C-alpha cells in the first residue's frame, strides 16, 4: 500500500516541471523560424560580399581569373601596393576633406533650415516638400546637371559671375578649386536628409520647455543653446554618424563631375577602389582599397552603436 501511494505522488511532482520546458522549446523554435529569413538574407546579401571582397584582397585577381579560374594567394601584397602607391595618401587626405567639408556644410545648413521650418507660416509644408527634390533625383542626374552649371565656358554660374563683373572660375578644371566644387555639390545633395531627420527631432521637443524658458528670459539664441541642442543631441548623433558613413563611400557624384581629376585633385579612397577594379582591372588591389574604406566606416559605426547603447542604458 505504501509503494502504490508514493508513485503517483512522484509523477505529480515531475509533470509541472516538464510542461514549461516543452513550452519554452516551442517558443524557441518559433523565434528561430521568425529570425531565419532575416539571418539568411543578411548572410547572402551582406555577409557573402564582404567575405568575398576580403578574400579577393589577398589574391591576384585580374581579368585572367575569369577565364582560368585561378587567383593565386599573394597575402598582404595588395595592401602593400595600395599603401605604397603615390595616390594613397593624397586620396586619404581628399577623403577626409571631402567628408568633413560635406558633413559640416550639410549639418549647419540642414539644422538652420529645420529650425526655420519649425515655425508655422504659409506654404511651410510646400517649401519643405520642395527641399526633398535633390534627394529624389538620381545622383548621376544631379551630377550631370551640376556639371553643366559649373562648366567654365558655358555654365550658367560663370555667366552670372560675368554679368556682375567677375571673372570665370574653372570650377571643375582647376586642381585648386575642383575639390571645393565637388564638396559644394555634395552639400546640396545631403541637405534634404539633414533637414528631414533634424526637423523630426525638433517636433519631439515639448513646447512647454520653450514657454518656461521664455518666462525666465531665455529666448532666441539662449533657448536654442540650452533647450534645442541638448534635447536634439541623440538625433544629431544619428545624423552625423550616418552622414559620415554615407559620405565616405560617395563615388557617383565625383565620377559624374570630375572622374577623379583634374590632376587627381578629387581622388578619394572610393574612387581609387573603383578605378583600380574597373579601369585598371586589378580587382585584388581594388578590394584592398575598399576594405580600408570599410574599416574606416566600421569605426564610425561602432561609435554610433555604442552611443545608442549608452542612450538606452540611461
C-alpha atoms as a PDB file:
ATOM      1  CA  UNK A   1       0.000   0.000   0.000  1.00  0.00           C
ATOM      2  CA  UNK A   2       2.860   2.349   0.812  1.00  0.00           C
ATOM      3  CA  UNK A   3       4.559   1.818  -2.621  1.00  0.00           C
ATOM      4  CA  UNK A   4       1.322   2.304  -4.565  1.00  0.00           C
ATOM      5  CA  UNK A   5       0.615   5.626  -2.847  1.00  0.00           C
ATOM      6  CA  UNK A   6       4.144   7.052  -3.426  1.00  0.00           C
ATOM      7  CA  UNK A   7       4.380   6.533  -7.258  1.00  0.00           C
ATOM      8  CA  UNK A   8       1.531   8.869  -8.269  1.00  0.00           C
ATOM      9  CA  UNK A   9       2.900  11.470  -5.891  1.00  0.00           C
ATOM     10  CA  UNK A  10       6.307  11.449  -7.657  1.00  0.00           C
ATOM     11  CA  UNK A  11       4.621  11.606 -11.063  1.00  0.00           C
ATOM     12  CA  UNK A  12       2.561  14.569  -9.920  1.00  0.00           C
ATOM     13  CA  UNK A  13       5.762  16.382  -8.874  1.00  0.00           C
ATOM     14  CA  UNK A  14       7.503  15.860 -12.280  1.00  0.00           C
ATOM     15  CA  UNK A  15       4.614  16.896 -14.536  1.00  0.00           C
ATOM     16  CA  UNK A  16       4.613  20.672 -13.711  1.00  0.00           C
ATOM     17  CA  UNK A  17       8.385  20.950 -14.454  1.00  0.00           C
ATOM     18  CA  UNK A  18       8.118  19.129 -17.800  1.00  0.00           C
ATOM     19  CA  UNK A  19       5.360  21.325 -19.292  1.00  0.00           C
ATOM     20  CA  UNK A  20       7.158  24.711 -19.031  1.00  0.00           C
ATOM     21  CA  UNK A  21      10.292  23.185 -20.569  1.00  0.00           C
ATOM     22  CA  UNK A  22       8.311  21.942 -23.550  1.00  0.00           C
ATOM     23  CA  UNK A  23       6.611  25.309 -23.906  1.00  0.00           C
ATOM     24  CA  UNK A  24       9.948  27.132 -23.843  1.00  0.00           C
ATOM     25  CA  UNK A  25      11.304  24.825 -26.546  1.00  0.00           C
ATOM     26  CA  UNK A  26       8.304  25.532 -28.769  1.00  0.00           C
ATOM     27  CA  UNK A  27       8.731  29.281 -28.238  1.00  0.00           C
ATOM     28  CA  UNK A  28      12.417  28.952 -29.082  1.00  0.00           C
ATOM     29  CA  UNK A  29      11.601  27.146 -32.328  1.00  0.00           C
ATOM     30  CA  UNK A  30       9.033  29.773 -33.261  1.00  0.00           C
ATOM     31  CA  UNK A  31      11.513  32.589 -32.576  1.00  0.00           C
ATOM     32  CA  UNK A  32      14.158  30.826 -34.658  1.00  0.00           C
ATOM     33  CA  UNK A  33      11.697  30.437 -37.550  1.00  0.00           C
ATOM     34  CA  UNK A  34      10.988  34.173 -37.482  1.00  0.00           C
ATOM     35  CA  UNK A  35      14.691  35.031 -37.355  1.00  0.00           C
ATOM     36  CA  UNK A  36      15.792  32.555 -40.020  1.00  0.00           C
ATOM     37  CA  UNK A  37      14.677  34.575 -43.126  1.00  0.00           C
ATOM     38  CA  UNK A  38      16.362  37.744 -41.880  1.00  0.00           C
ATOM     39  CA  UNK A  39      19.529  35.853 -40.934  1.00  0.00           C
ATOM     40  CA  UNK A  40      19.602  34.118 -44.318  1.00  0.00           C
ATOM     41  CA  UNK A  41      19.085  37.437 -46.122  1.00  0.00           C
ATOM     42  CA  UNK A  42      21.936  39.091 -44.197  1.00  0.00           C
ATOM     43  CA  UNK A  43      24.274  36.172 -44.811  1.00  0.00           C
ATOM     44  CA  UNK A  44      23.558  36.053 -48.556  1.00  0.00           C
ATOM     45  CA  UNK A  45      23.436  39.734 -49.422  1.00  0.00           C
ATOM     46  CA  UNK A  46      25.768  41.259 -46.810  1.00  0.00           C
ATOM     47  CA  UNK A  47      27.954  38.531 -45.346  1.00  0.00           C
ATOM     48  CA  UNK A  48      28.962  36.818 -48.603  1.00  0.00           C
ATOM     49  CA  UNK A  49      30.010  40.009 -50.499  1.00  0.00           C
ATOM     50  CA  UNK A  50      32.075  41.205 -47.526  1.00  0.00           C
ATOM     51  CA  UNK A  51      33.829  37.845 -47.113  1.00  0.00           C
ATOM     52  CA  UNK A  52      34.358  37.517 -50.884  1.00  0.00           C
ATOM     53  CA  UNK A  53      35.825  41.041 -51.028  1.00  0.00           C
ATOM     54  CA  UNK A  54      38.111  40.251 -48.095  1.00  0.00           C
ATOM     55  CA  UNK A  55      39.372  37.064 -49.781  1.00  0.00           C
ATOM     56  CA  UNK A  56      39.903  38.874 -53.109  1.00  0.00           C
ATOM     57  CA  UNK A  57      42.120  41.438 -51.403  1.00  0.00           C
ATOM     58  CA  UNK A  58      44.599  38.651 -50.614  1.00  0.00           C
ATOM     59  CA  UNK A  59      44.584  37.237 -54.167  1.00  0.00           C
ATOM     60  CA  UNK A  60      45.996  38.231 -57.544  1.00  0.00           C
ATOM     61  CA  UNK A  61      42.533  38.668 -59.004  1.00  0.00           C
ATOM     62  CA  UNK A  62      42.626  40.011 -62.582  1.00  0.00           C
ATOM     63  CA  UNK A  63      40.672  39.581 -65.826  1.00  0.00           C
ATOM     64  CA  UNK A  64      42.651  36.361 -66.430  1.00  0.00           C
ATOM     65  CA  UNK A  65      40.921  34.890 -63.387  1.00  0.00           C
ATOM     66  CA  UNK A  66      37.576  34.987 -65.204  1.00  0.00           C
ATOM     67  CA  UNK A  67      38.921  32.627 -67.900  1.00  0.00           C
ATOM     68  CA  UNK A  68      41.230  30.365 -65.910  1.00  0.00           C
ATOM     69  CA  UNK A  69      39.516  30.477 -62.542  1.00  0.00           C
ATOM     70  CA  UNK A  70      42.956  30.862 -60.939  1.00  0.00           C
ATOM     71  CA  UNK A  71      43.587  33.578 -58.376  1.00  0.00           C
ATOM     72  CA  UNK A  72      46.977  32.993 -56.699  1.00  0.00           C
ATOM     73  CA  UNK A  73      47.208  33.833 -52.988  1.00  0.00           C
ATOM     74  CA  UNK A  74      49.517  36.847 -52.536  1.00  0.00           C
ATOM     75  CA  UNK A  75      48.988  37.602 -48.838  1.00  0.00           C
ATOM     76  CA  UNK A  76      49.398  41.278 -47.917  1.00  0.00           C
ATOM     77  CA  UNK A  77      50.945  42.230 -51.287  1.00  0.00           C
ATOM     78  CA  UNK A  78      47.816  44.077 -52.499  1.00  0.00           C
ATOM     79  CA  UNK A  79      47.694  46.135 -49.296  1.00  0.00           C
ATOM     80  CA  UNK A  80      51.405  46.956 -49.686  1.00  0.00           C
ATOM     81  CA  UNK A  81      50.708  48.061 -53.277  1.00  0.00           C
ATOM     82  CA  UNK A  82      47.882  50.282 -52.036  1.00  0.00           C
ATOM     83  CA  UNK A  83      49.824  51.938 -49.209  1.00  0.00           C
ATOM     84  CA  UNK A  84      52.991  52.420 -51.304  1.00  0.00           C
ATOM     85  CA  UNK A  85      51.142  53.873 -54.292  1.00  0.00           C
ATOM     86  CA  UNK A  86      51.666  57.572 -54.830  1.00  0.00           C
ATOM     87  CA  UNK A  87      47.949  58.280 -54.771  1.00  0.00           C
ATOM     88  CA  UNK A  88      47.061  56.574 -51.462  1.00  0.00           C
ATOM     89  CA  UNK A  89      47.883  59.370 -49.014  1.00  0.00           C
ATOM     90  CA  UNK A  90      46.551  62.187 -51.274  1.00  0.00           C
ATOM     91  CA  UNK A  91      43.372  60.108 -51.632  1.00  0.00           C
ATOM     92  CA  UNK A  92      43.169  59.694 -47.849  1.00  0.00           C
ATOM     93  CA  UNK A  93      43.548  63.467 -47.399  1.00  0.00           C
ATOM     94  CA  UNK A  94      40.934  64.166 -50.076  1.00  0.00           C
ATOM     95  CA  UNK A  95      38.566  61.649 -48.439  1.00  0.00           C
ATOM     96  CA  UNK A  96      38.975  63.395 -45.075  1.00  0.00           C
ATOM     97  CA  UNK A  97      38.494  66.892 -46.569  1.00  0.00           C
ATOM     98  CA  UNK A  98      35.532  65.767 -48.661  1.00  0.00           C
ATOM     99  CA  UNK A  99      33.855  64.067 -45.680  1.00  0.00           C
ATOM    100  CA  UNK A 100      34.462  66.821 -43.123  1.00  0.00           C
ATOM    101  CA  UNK A 101      33.524  69.618 -45.548  1.00  0.00           C
ATOM    102  CA  UNK A 102      30.382  67.860 -46.729  1.00  0.00           C
ATOM    103  CA  UNK A 103      29.170  66.882 -43.247  1.00  0.00           C
ATOM    104  CA  UNK A 104      29.859  70.339 -41.793  1.00  0.00           C
ATOM    105  CA  UNK A 105      28.010  72.111 -44.609  1.00  0.00           C
ATOM    106  CA  UNK A 106      25.089  69.696 -44.718  1.00  0.00           C
ATOM    107  CA  UNK A 107      24.604  69.755 -40.957  1.00  0.00           C
ATOM    108  CA  UNK A 108      24.866  73.526 -40.396  1.00  0.00           C
ATOM    109  CA  UNK A 109      22.550  74.398 -43.292  1.00  0.00           C
ATOM    110  CA  UNK A 110      20.231  71.478 -42.519  1.00  0.00           C
ATOM    111  CA  UNK A 111      19.903  72.470 -38.846  1.00  0.00           C
ATOM    112  CA  UNK A 112      19.297  76.117 -39.727  1.00  0.00           C
ATOM    113  CA  UNK A 113      16.544  75.146 -42.176  1.00  0.00           C
ATOM    114  CA  UNK A 114      14.994  72.660 -39.718  1.00  0.00           C
ATOM    115  CA  UNK A 115      14.796  75.350 -37.011  1.00  0.00           C
ATOM    116  CA  UNK A 116      13.401  77.795 -39.562  1.00  0.00           C
ATOM    117  CA  UNK A 117      10.659  75.399 -40.689  1.00  0.00           C
ATOM    118  CA  UNK A 118       9.701  74.672 -37.075  1.00  0.00           C
ATOM    119  CA  UNK A 119       7.862  77.973 -37.120  1.00  0.00           C
ATOM    120  CA  UNK A 120       4.408  77.830 -38.677  1.00  0.00           C
ATOM    121  CA  UNK A 121       3.902  80.066 -41.691  1.00  0.00           C
ATOM    122  CA  UNK A 122       2.011  79.837 -45.012  1.00  0.00           C
ATOM    123  CA  UNK A 123       3.403  77.380 -47.575  1.00  0.00           C
ATOM    124  CA  UNK A 124       5.722  75.857 -44.947  1.00  0.00           C
ATOM    125  CA  UNK A 125       4.728  72.298 -45.906  1.00  0.00           C
ATOM    126  CA  UNK A 126       5.075  73.014 -49.632  1.00  0.00           C
ATOM    127  CA  UNK A 127       8.541  74.505 -49.217  1.00  0.00           C
ATOM    128  CA  UNK A 128       9.665  71.542 -47.086  1.00  0.00           C
ATOM    129  CA  UNK A 129       8.433  69.190 -49.792  1.00  0.00           C
ATOM    130  CA  UNK A 130      10.372  71.139 -52.439  1.00  0.00           C
ATOM    131  CA  UNK A 131      13.515  70.742 -50.349  1.00  0.00           C
ATOM    132  CA  UNK A 132      13.293  66.993 -50.898  1.00  0.00           C
ATOM    133  CA  UNK A 133      13.740  67.319 -54.679  1.00  0.00           C
ATOM    134  CA  UNK A 134      17.564  66.987 -54.665  1.00  0.00           C
ATOM    135  CA  UNK A 135      17.126  63.811 -52.608  1.00  0.00           C
ATOM    136  CA  UNK A 136      14.686  62.315 -55.112  1.00  0.00           C
ATOM    137  CA  UNK A 137      16.876  62.824 -58.175  1.00  0.00           C
ATOM    138  CA  UNK A 138      19.243  60.018 -59.210  1.00  0.00           C
ATOM    139  CA  UNK A 139      22.773  61.029 -58.233  1.00  0.00           C
ATOM    140  CA  UNK A 140      24.102  60.645 -61.760  1.00  0.00           C
ATOM    141  CA  UNK A 141      21.389  63.058 -62.977  1.00  0.00           C
ATOM    142  CA  UNK A 142      22.298  65.556 -60.250  1.00  0.00           C
ATOM    143  CA  UNK A 143      25.990  65.358 -61.108  1.00  0.00           C
ATOM    144  CA  UNK A 144      25.279  65.811 -64.847  1.00  0.00           C
ATOM    145  CA  UNK A 145      23.121  68.858 -64.085  1.00  0.00           C
ATOM    146  CA  UNK A 146      25.762  70.421 -61.864  1.00  0.00           C
ATOM    147  CA  UNK A 147      28.453  69.649 -64.435  1.00  0.00           C
ATOM    148  CA  UNK A 148      26.599  71.804 -66.960  1.00  0.00           C
ATOM    149  CA  UNK A 149      26.014  74.545 -64.354  1.00  0.00           C
ATOM    150  CA  UNK A 150      29.705  74.611 -63.360  1.00  0.00           C
ATOM    151  CA  UNK A 151      31.088  74.432 -66.909  1.00  0.00           C
ATOM    152  CA  UNK A 152      33.838  77.017 -67.320  1.00  0.00           C
ATOM    153  CA  UNK A 153      32.833  78.273 -70.777  1.00  0.00           C
ATOM    154  CA  UNK A 154      29.057  77.837 -70.971  1.00  0.00           C
ATOM    155  CA  UNK A 155      27.961  77.210 -67.370  1.00  0.00           C
ATOM    156  CA  UNK A 156      25.201  79.403 -66.017  1.00  0.00           C
ATOM    157  CA  UNK A 157      27.165  80.125 -62.829  1.00  0.00           C
ATOM    158  CA  UNK A 158      30.110  81.648 -64.691  1.00  0.00           C
ATOM    159  CA  UNK A 159      27.724  83.596 -66.904  1.00  0.00           C
ATOM    160  CA  UNK A 160      26.157  85.062 -63.761  1.00  0.00           C
ATOM    161  CA  UNK A 161      29.609  85.928 -62.375  1.00  0.00           C
ATOM    162  CA  UNK A 162      30.480  87.627 -65.673  1.00  0.00           C
ATOM    163  CA  UNK A 163      27.242  89.627 -65.560  1.00  0.00           C
ATOM    164  CA  UNK A 164      28.267  91.133 -62.200  1.00  0.00           C
ATOM    165  CA  UNK A 165      31.788  91.892 -63.409  1.00  0.00           C
ATOM    166  CA  UNK A 166      33.619  88.871 -62.006  1.00  0.00           C
ATOM    167  CA  UNK A 167      35.901  86.561 -63.946  1.00  0.00           C
ATOM    168  CA  UNK A 168      35.066  82.966 -64.875  1.00  0.00           C
ATOM    169  CA  UNK A 169      36.090  80.298 -62.354  1.00  0.00           C
ATOM    170  CA  UNK A 170      37.397  76.938 -63.645  1.00  0.00           C
ATOM    171  CA  UNK A 171      35.247  75.042 -61.150  1.00  0.00           C
ATOM    172  CA  UNK A 172      35.917  71.557 -62.498  1.00  0.00           C
ATOM    173  CA  UNK A 173      39.138  72.155 -64.449  1.00  0.00           C
ATOM    174  CA  UNK A 174      41.451  73.611 -61.802  1.00  0.00           C
ATOM    175  CA  UNK A 175      43.118  71.373 -59.160  1.00  0.00           C
ATOM    176  CA  UNK A 176      42.791  74.272 -56.685  1.00  0.00           C
ATOM    177  CA  UNK A 177      39.000  74.567 -56.992  1.00  0.00           C
ATOM    178  CA  UNK A 178      37.709  71.169 -58.161  1.00  0.00           C
ATOM    179  CA  UNK A 179      37.509  69.546 -54.702  1.00  0.00           C
ATOM    180  CA  UNK A 180      35.666  72.580 -53.311  1.00  0.00           C
ATOM    181  CA  UNK A 181      33.163  72.395 -56.199  1.00  0.00           C
ATOM    182  CA  UNK A 182      32.568  68.680 -55.565  1.00  0.00           C
ATOM    183  CA  UNK A 183      32.057  69.321 -51.833  1.00  0.00           C
ATOM    184  CA  UNK A 184      29.523  72.097 -52.570  1.00  0.00           C
ATOM    185  CA  UNK A 185      27.510  69.799 -54.839  1.00  0.00           C
ATOM    186  CA  UNK A 186      27.557  67.031 -52.224  1.00  0.00           C
ATOM    187  CA  UNK A 187      26.362  69.522 -49.584  1.00  0.00           C
ATOM    188  CA  UNK A 188      23.437  70.441 -51.844  1.00  0.00           C
ATOM    189  CA  UNK A 189      22.522  66.758 -52.214  1.00  0.00           C
ATOM    190  CA  UNK A 190      22.792  65.996 -48.482  1.00  0.00           C
ATOM    191  CA  UNK A 191      20.774  68.929 -47.132  1.00  0.00           C
ATOM    192  CA  UNK A 192      17.324  67.240 -47.548  1.00  0.00           C
ATOM    193  CA  UNK A 193      18.398  64.245 -45.430  1.00  0.00           C
ATOM    194  CA  UNK A 194      19.652  66.505 -42.625  1.00  0.00           C
ATOM    195  CA  UNK A 195      16.554  68.739 -42.718  1.00  0.00           C
ATOM    196  CA  UNK A 196      14.166  65.766 -42.650  1.00  0.00           C
ATOM    197  CA  UNK A 197      15.795  63.988 -39.704  1.00  0.00           C
ATOM    198  CA  UNK A 198      16.520  67.119 -37.660  1.00  0.00           C
ATOM    199  CA  UNK A 199      13.031  68.549 -38.271  1.00  0.00           C
ATOM    200  CA  UNK A 200      11.534  65.281 -36.979  1.00  0.00           C
ATOM    201  CA  UNK A 201      13.708  65.529 -33.862  1.00  0.00           C
ATOM    202  CA  UNK A 202      12.608  69.119 -33.241  1.00  0.00           C
ATOM    203  CA  UNK A 203       8.951  68.033 -33.237  1.00  0.00           C
ATOM    204  CA  UNK A 204       9.625  65.830 -30.184  1.00  0.00           C
ATOM    205  CA  UNK A 205      10.844  68.724 -28.013  1.00  0.00           C
ATOM    206  CA  UNK A 206       7.933  69.801 -25.766  1.00  0.00           C
ATOM    207  CA  UNK A 207       6.729  73.345 -26.407  1.00  0.00           C
ATOM    208  CA  UNK A 208       6.331  73.791 -22.639  1.00  0.00           C
ATOM    209  CA  UNK A 209      10.117  73.906 -22.267  1.00  0.00           C
ATOM    210  CA  UNK A 210      10.330  76.966 -24.522  1.00  0.00           C
ATOM    211  CA  UNK A 211       7.397  78.616 -22.724  1.00  0.00           C
ATOM    212  CA  UNK A 212       9.009  78.054 -19.315  1.00  0.00           C
ATOM    213  CA  UNK A 213      12.362  79.316 -20.624  1.00  0.00           C
ATOM    214  CA  UNK A 214      10.679  82.422 -22.051  1.00  0.00           C
ATOM    215  CA  UNK A 215       9.260  83.233 -18.605  1.00  0.00           C
ATOM    216  CA  UNK A 216      12.835  83.151 -17.291  1.00  0.00           C
ATOM    217  CA  UNK A 217      14.011  85.426 -20.107  1.00  0.00           C
ATOM    218  CA  UNK A 218      15.729  82.689 -22.164  1.00  0.00           C
ATOM    219  CA  UNK A 219      14.664  83.273 -25.759  1.00  0.00           C
ATOM    220  CA  UNK A 220      16.328  83.263 -29.152  1.00  0.00           C
ATOM    221  CA  UNK A 221      19.932  82.053 -29.052  1.00  0.00           C
ATOM    222  CA  UNK A 222      19.736  81.156 -25.313  1.00  0.00           C
ATOM    223  CA  UNK A 223      16.751  78.860 -25.789  1.00  0.00           C
ATOM    224  CA  UNK A 224      18.467  77.258 -28.811  1.00  0.00           C
ATOM    225  CA  UNK A 225      21.668  76.646 -26.860  1.00  0.00           C
ATOM    226  CA  UNK A 226      20.116  75.449 -23.578  1.00  0.00           C
ATOM    227  CA  UNK A 227      16.953  73.678 -24.809  1.00  0.00           C
ATOM    228  CA  UNK A 228      17.127  72.800 -28.501  1.00  0.00           C
ATOM    229  CA  UNK A 229      20.665  71.452 -28.716  1.00  0.00           C
ATOM    230  CA  UNK A 230      20.606  69.276 -25.529  1.00  0.00           C
ATOM    231  CA  UNK A 231      17.247  67.717 -26.453  1.00  0.00           C
ATOM    232  CA  UNK A 232      18.295  67.220 -30.067  1.00  0.00           C
ATOM    233  CA  UNK A 233      21.631  65.571 -29.228  1.00  0.00           C
ATOM    234  CA  UNK A 234      20.547  61.924 -29.875  1.00  0.00           C
ATOM    235  CA  UNK A 235      19.180  62.890 -33.305  1.00  0.00           C
ATOM    236  CA  UNK A 236      22.306  64.911 -34.077  1.00  0.00           C
ATOM    237  CA  UNK A 237      24.478  61.876 -33.280  1.00  0.00           C
ATOM    238  CA  UNK A 238      22.471  59.731 -35.699  1.00  0.00           C
ATOM    239  CA  UNK A 239      22.603  62.357 -38.459  1.00  0.00           C
ATOM    240  CA  UNK A 240      26.348  62.905 -38.139  1.00  0.00           C
ATOM    241  CA  UNK A 241      27.372  59.240 -37.929  1.00  0.00           C
ATOM    242  CA  UNK A 242      25.116  58.114 -40.776  1.00  0.00           C
ATOM    243  CA  UNK A 243      26.236  61.123 -42.801  1.00  0.00           C
ATOM    244  CA  UNK A 244      29.913  60.237 -42.333  1.00  0.00           C
ATOM    245  CA  UNK A 245      29.369  56.578 -43.307  1.00  0.00           C
ATOM    246  CA  UNK A 246      27.378  57.622 -46.385  1.00  0.00           C
ATOM    247  CA  UNK A 247      29.827  60.337 -47.468  1.00  0.00           C
ATOM    248  CA  UNK A 248      32.884  58.098 -47.161  1.00  0.00           C
ATOM    249  CA  UNK A 249      31.605  55.846 -49.950  1.00  0.00           C
ATOM    250  CA  UNK A 250      30.318  58.544 -52.337  1.00  0.00           C
ATOM    251  CA  UNK A 251      31.527  57.739 -55.820  1.00  0.00           C
ATOM    252  CA  UNK A 252      28.900  58.584 -58.452  1.00  0.00           C
ATOM    253  CA  UNK A 253      28.908  62.332 -57.786  1.00  0.00           C
ATOM    254  CA  UNK A 254      32.694  62.578 -58.138  1.00  0.00           C
ATOM    255  CA  UNK A 255      32.725  60.351 -61.207  1.00  0.00           C
ATOM    256  CA  UNK A 256      30.000  62.433 -62.836  1.00  0.00           C
ATOM    257  CA  UNK A 257      31.676  65.761 -62.093  1.00  0.00           C
ATOM    258  CA  UNK A 258      35.434  65.218 -62.409  1.00  0.00           C
ATOM    259  CA  UNK A 259      36.137  61.473 -62.711  1.00  0.00           C
ATOM    260  CA  UNK A 260      38.781  61.930 -60.008  1.00  0.00           C
ATOM    261  CA  UNK A 261      40.583  64.772 -61.831  1.00  0.00           C
ATOM    262  CA  UNK A 262      41.891  67.236 -62.692  1.00  0.00           C
ATOM    263  CA  UNK A 263      45.424  66.051 -61.876  1.00  0.00           C
ATOM    264  CA  UNK A 264      43.978  63.630 -59.275  1.00  0.00           C
ATOM    265  CA  UNK A 265      42.699  66.596 -57.235  1.00  0.00           C
ATOM    266  CA  UNK A 266      39.411  64.817 -56.403  1.00  0.00           C
ATOM    267  CA  UNK A 267      40.737  61.291 -55.933  1.00  0.00           C
ATOM    268  CA  UNK A 268      39.241  59.639 -52.842  1.00  0.00           C
ATOM    269  CA  UNK A 269      39.609  56.109 -51.491  1.00  0.00           C
ATOM    270  CA  UNK A 270      36.244  55.163 -53.031  1.00  0.00           C
ATOM    271  CA  UNK A 271      37.350  56.480 -56.441  1.00  0.00           C
ATOM    272  CA  UNK A 272      40.693  54.649 -56.168  1.00  0.00           C
ATOM    273  CA  UNK A 273      38.807  51.413 -55.397  1.00  0.00           C
ATOM    274  CA  UNK A 274      36.575  51.859 -58.449  1.00  0.00           C
ATOM    275  CA  UNK A 275      39.375  52.795 -60.854  1.00  0.00           C
ATOM    276  CA  UNK A 276      41.687  50.010 -59.647  1.00  0.00           C
ATOM    277  CA  UNK A 277      38.927  47.448 -60.182  1.00  0.00           C
ATOM    278  CA  UNK A 278      37.103  48.645 -63.293  1.00  0.00           C
ATOM    279  CA  UNK A 279      39.682  50.796 -65.117  1.00  0.00           C
ATOM    280  CA  UNK A 280      42.970  49.047 -64.314  1.00  0.00           C
ATOM    281  CA  UNK A 281      41.212  45.654 -63.835  1.00  0.00           C
ATOM    282  CA  UNK A 282      43.291  44.893 -60.718  1.00  0.00           C
ATOM    283  CA  UNK A 283      40.418  43.553 -58.663  1.00  0.00           C
ATOM    284  CA  UNK A 284      42.605  42.451 -55.762  1.00  0.00           C
ATOM    285  CA  UNK A 285      44.050  45.955 -55.335  1.00  0.00           C
ATOM    286  CA  UNK A 286      40.563  47.467 -55.676  1.00  0.00           C
ATOM    287  CA  UNK A 287      39.289  45.097 -52.990  1.00  0.00           C
ATOM    288  CA  UNK A 288      42.125  46.202 -50.696  1.00  0.00           C
ATOM    289  CA  UNK A 289      41.147  49.860 -51.196  1.00  0.00           C
ATOM    290  CA  UNK A 290      37.506  49.079 -50.425  1.00  0.00           C
ATOM    291  CA  UNK A 291      38.396  47.072 -47.311  1.00  0.00           C
ATOM    292  CA  UNK A 292      40.308  50.060 -45.947  1.00  0.00           C
ATOM    293  CA  UNK A 293      37.181  52.131 -46.566  1.00  0.00           C
ATOM    294  CA  UNK A 294      35.019  49.514 -44.827  1.00  0.00           C
ATOM    295  CA  UNK A 295      37.372  49.574 -41.834  1.00  0.00           C
ATOM    296  CA  UNK A 296      37.095  53.366 -41.540  1.00  0.00           C
ATOM    297  CA  UNK A 297      33.289  53.159 -41.809  1.00  0.00           C
ATOM    298  CA  UNK A 298      33.257  50.386 -39.199  1.00  0.00           C
ATOM    299  CA  UNK A 299      34.968  52.650 -36.669  1.00  0.00           C
ATOM    300  CA  UNK A 300      32.203  55.241 -37.029  1.00  0.00           C
ATOM    301  CA  UNK A 301      29.535  52.503 -36.942  1.00  0.00           C
ATOM    302  CA  UNK A 302      30.943  51.253 -33.622  1.00  0.00           C
ATOM    303  CA  UNK A 303      30.782  54.786 -32.201  1.00  0.00           C
ATOM    304  CA  UNK A 304      27.173  55.002 -33.395  1.00  0.00           C
ATOM    305  CA  UNK A 305      26.181  51.660 -31.808  1.00  0.00           C
ATOM    306  CA  UNK A 306      27.948  52.478 -28.528  1.00  0.00           C
ATOM    307  CA  UNK A 307      26.213  55.860 -28.438  1.00  0.00           C
ATOM    308  CA  UNK A 308      22.832  54.210 -28.986  1.00  0.00           C
ATOM    309  CA  UNK A 309      23.520  51.594 -26.293  1.00  0.00           C
ATOM    310  CA  UNK A 310      24.501  54.324 -23.827  1.00  0.00           C
ATOM    311  CA  UNK A 311      21.269  56.211 -24.508  1.00  0.00           C
ATOM    312  CA  UNK A 312      19.209  53.028 -23.983  1.00  0.00           C
ATOM    313  CA  UNK A 313      21.011  52.294 -20.706  1.00  0.00           C
ATOM    314  CA  UNK A 314      20.375  55.840 -19.496  1.00  0.00           C
END
